[in-house]
Amino acid sequence: MAESVLAAMQRRQIEITIGELWLTTDHYMRLEIIERLRHLIAHADPTLDRTQLSEGALEELQELDLIH
């Protein structure tokens, strides 16, 4: 199934949020960003193609145990 426009936008939003996480050193801000990522992934369009995420984003999500 091809990725929908909504899924592509959500994938980009996940990438941007991971970028925010990489730029943040404050522990509480990191927790808030991780929770936002958890929410984005949980409510993502079913057509979202996780393989289209950057290698760094995939590694970060796996490290945070948000995807397997």
N, C-alpha and C. Protein backbone atom coordinates (compact mmCIF):
# COMPACT_ATOMS: atom_id res chain seq x y z
N MET A 1 0.85 -1.17 0.00
CA MET A 1 0.00 0.00 0.00
C MET A 1 0.90 1.24 0.00
N ALA A 2 0.60 2.17 -0.83
CA ALA A 2 1.37 3.41 -0.92
C ALA A 2 1.10 4.30 0.29
N GLU A 3 2.11 5.04 0.65
CA GLU A 3 1.99 5.95 1.78
C GLU A 3 1.09 7.13 1.40
N SER A 4 0.13 7.44 2.27
CA SER A 4 -0.77 8.57 2.01
C SER A 4 -0.04 9.89 2.24
N VAL A 5 -0.65 10.96 1.77
CA VAL A 5 -0.09 12.30 1.99
C VAL A 5 -0.04 12.59 3.49
N LEU A 6 -1.07 12.20 4.21
CA LEU A 6 -1.10 12.40 5.66
C LEU A 6 0.05 11.65 6.33
N ALA A 7 0.28 10.41 5.92
CA ALA A 7 1.36 9.61 6.50
C ALA A 7 2.72 10.25 6.20
N ALA A 8 2.89 10.77 5.02
CA ALA A 8 4.15 11.43 4.67
C ALA A 8 4.38 12.66 5.54
N MET A 9 3.31 13.41 5.79
CA MET A 9 3.41 14.59 6.66
C MET A 9 3.73 14.16 8.10
N GLN A 10 3.11 13.09 8.55
CA GLN A 10 3.36 12.60 9.90
C GLN A 10 4.80 12.09 10.02
N ARG A 11 5.29 11.42 8.99
CA ARG A 11 6.67 10.94 9.00
C ARG A 11 7.64 12.11 9.13
N ARG A 12 7.37 13.17 8.39
CA ARG A 12 8.21 14.37 8.47
C ARG A 12 8.13 14.99 9.87
N GLN A 13 6.95 14.99 10.45
CA GLN A 13 6.78 15.54 11.80
C GLN A 13 7.58 14.71 12.82
N ILE A 14 7.60 13.40 12.65
CA ILE A 14 8.37 12.53 13.53
C ILE A 14 9.86 12.85 13.39
N GLU A 15 10.32 13.03 12.14
CA GLU A 15 11.73 13.37 11.90
C GLU A 15 12.10 14.70 12.58
N ILE A 16 11.25 15.68 12.46
CA ILE A 16 11.50 17.00 13.06
C ILE A 16 11.54 16.88 14.58
N THR A 17 10.63 16.10 15.14
CA THR A 17 10.59 15.93 16.59
C THR A 17 11.84 15.23 17.10
N ILE A 18 12.34 14.27 16.35
CA ILE A 18 13.59 13.61 16.72
C ILE A 18 14.75 14.61 16.67
N GLY A 19 14.73 15.50 15.69
CA GLY A 19 15.73 16.55 15.63
C GLY A 19 15.69 17.43 16.86
N GLU A 20 14.49 17.76 17.33
CA GLU A 20 14.34 18.54 18.57
C GLU A 20 14.95 17.78 19.75
N LEU A 21 14.71 16.48 19.78
CA LEU A 21 15.25 15.66 20.86
C LEU A 21 16.77 15.71 20.86
N TRP A 22 17.38 15.62 19.70
CA TRP A 22 18.84 15.65 19.59
C TRP A 22 19.42 16.99 20.04
N LEU A 23 18.65 18.06 19.89
CA LEU A 23 19.15 19.39 20.25
C LEU A 23 18.91 19.75 21.71
N THR A 24 18.15 18.94 22.41
CA THR A 24 17.76 19.26 23.78
C THR A 24 18.62 18.50 24.78
N THR A 25 19.11 19.21 25.78
CA THR A 25 19.89 18.57 26.84
C THR A 25 19.13 18.50 28.15
N ASP A 26 18.08 19.29 28.29
CA ASP A 26 17.29 19.32 29.52
C ASP A 26 16.50 18.02 29.67
N HIS A 27 16.67 17.36 30.81
CA HIS A 27 16.04 16.07 31.05
C HIS A 27 14.51 16.12 30.90
N TYR A 28 13.88 17.11 31.49
CA TYR A 28 12.41 17.20 31.46
C TYR A 28 11.89 17.53 30.06
N MET A 29 12.64 18.32 29.31
CA MET A 29 12.25 18.60 27.92
C MET A 29 12.36 17.33 27.08
N ARG A 30 13.41 16.55 27.33
CA ARG A 30 13.58 15.30 26.60
C ARG A 30 12.41 14.35 26.88
N LEU A 31 11.99 14.28 28.14
CA LEU A 31 10.85 13.42 28.49
C LEU A 31 9.59 13.86 27.75
N GLU A 32 9.37 15.17 27.68
CA GLU A 32 8.19 15.70 26.98
C GLU A 32 8.26 15.38 25.49
N ILE A 33 9.43 15.51 24.90
CA ILE A 33 9.59 15.23 23.47
C ILE A 33 9.41 13.74 23.19
N ILE A 34 9.93 12.89 24.07
CA ILE A 34 9.76 11.44 23.90
C ILE A 34 8.29 11.07 23.99
N GLU A 35 7.57 11.70 24.91
CA GLU A 35 6.13 11.44 25.02
C GLU A 35 5.40 11.90 23.75
N ARG A 36 5.82 13.03 23.19
CA ARG A 36 5.23 13.51 21.94
C ARG A 36 5.49 12.52 20.81
N LEU A 37 6.71 11.97 20.76
CA LEU A 37 7.03 10.96 19.74
C LEU A 37 6.16 9.72 19.91
N ARG A 38 6.01 9.29 21.16
CA ARG A 38 5.17 8.13 21.44
C ARG A 38 3.75 8.36 20.93
N HIS A 39 3.24 9.54 21.16
CA HIS A 39 1.90 9.90 20.71
C HIS A 39 1.82 9.93 19.18
N LEU A 40 2.81 10.56 18.53
CA LEU A 40 2.82 10.64 17.07
C LEU A 40 2.82 9.25 16.43
N ILE A 41 3.62 8.36 16.98
CA ILE A 41 3.72 7.01 16.42
C ILE A 41 2.44 6.22 16.68
N ALA A 42 1.90 6.35 17.88
CA ALA A 42 0.68 5.60 18.24
C ALA A 42 -0.51 6.01 17.39
N HIS A 43 -0.57 7.27 16.98
CA HIS A 43 -1.73 7.76 16.24
C HIS A 43 -1.42 8.02 14.76
N ALA A 44 -0.32 7.46 14.28
CA ALA A 44 0.06 7.68 12.89
C ALA A 44 -0.87 6.94 11.93
N ASP A 45 -0.98 7.47 10.74
CA ASP A 45 -1.76 6.84 9.68
C ASP A 45 -1.20 5.43 9.44
N PRO A 46 -2.07 4.46 9.25
CA PRO A 46 -1.60 3.08 9.04
C PRO A 46 -0.70 2.90 7.81
N THR A 47 -0.77 3.83 6.87
CA THR A 47 0.06 3.69 5.67
C THR A 47 1.46 4.26 5.86
N LEU A 48 1.76 4.81 7.06
CA LEU A 48 3.08 5.38 7.32
C LEU A 48 4.14 4.31 7.09
N ASP A 49 5.10 4.60 6.23
CA ASP A 49 6.17 3.67 5.88
C ASP A 49 7.38 4.00 6.74
N ARG A 50 7.59 3.23 7.80
CA ARG A 50 8.69 3.49 8.73
C ARG A 50 10.05 3.33 8.07
N THR A 51 10.11 2.55 7.01
CA THR A 51 11.39 2.35 6.32
C THR A 51 11.84 3.63 5.63
N GLN A 52 10.94 4.59 5.45
CA GLN A 52 11.27 5.86 4.81
C GLN A 52 11.89 6.85 5.80
N LEU A 53 11.86 6.53 7.09
CA LEU A 53 12.50 7.38 8.08
C LEU A 53 14.02 7.31 7.88
N SER A 54 14.70 8.36 8.26
CA SER A 54 16.16 8.36 8.13
C SER A 54 16.75 7.29 9.04
N GLU A 55 17.97 6.88 8.72
CA GLU A 55 18.65 5.86 9.51
C GLU A 55 18.82 6.32 10.96
N GLY A 56 19.19 7.58 11.14
CA GLY A 56 19.35 8.13 12.48
C GLY A 56 18.06 8.13 13.26
N ALA A 57 16.95 8.49 12.59
CA ALA A 57 15.64 8.51 13.25
C ALA A 57 15.23 7.09 13.66
N LEU A 58 15.44 6.13 12.77
CA LEU A 58 15.10 4.75 13.10
C LEU A 58 15.91 4.24 14.29
N GLU A 59 17.20 4.55 14.30
CA GLU A 59 18.05 4.13 15.41
C GLU A 59 17.59 4.76 16.73
N GLU A 60 17.26 6.04 16.67
CA GLU A 60 16.81 6.74 17.88
C GLU A 60 15.50 6.14 18.39
N LEU A 61 14.56 5.87 17.51
CA LEU A 61 13.28 5.29 17.92
C LEU A 61 13.47 3.89 18.49
N GLN A 62 14.39 3.14 17.93
CA GLN A 62 14.67 1.80 18.45
C GLN A 62 15.35 1.90 19.82
N GLU A 63 16.28 2.84 19.97
CA GLU A 63 16.95 3.05 21.26
C GLU A 63 15.95 3.42 22.35
N LEU A 64 14.97 4.24 21.98
CA LEU A 64 13.94 4.67 22.94
C LEU A 64 12.87 3.61 23.12
N ASP A 65 12.98 2.50 22.39
CA ASP A 65 12.02 1.39 22.43
C ASP A 65 10.62 1.84 22.00
N LEU A 66 10.57 2.74 21.02
CA LEU A 66 9.29 3.20 20.51
C LEU A 66 8.86 2.40 19.27
N ILE A 67 9.83 1.78 18.61
CA ILE A 67 9.53 0.85 17.51
C ILE A 67 10.45 -0.36 17.67
N HIS A 68 10.06 -1.44 17.02
CA HIS A 68 10.86 -2.68 17.11
C HIS A 68 11.33 -3.08 15.75
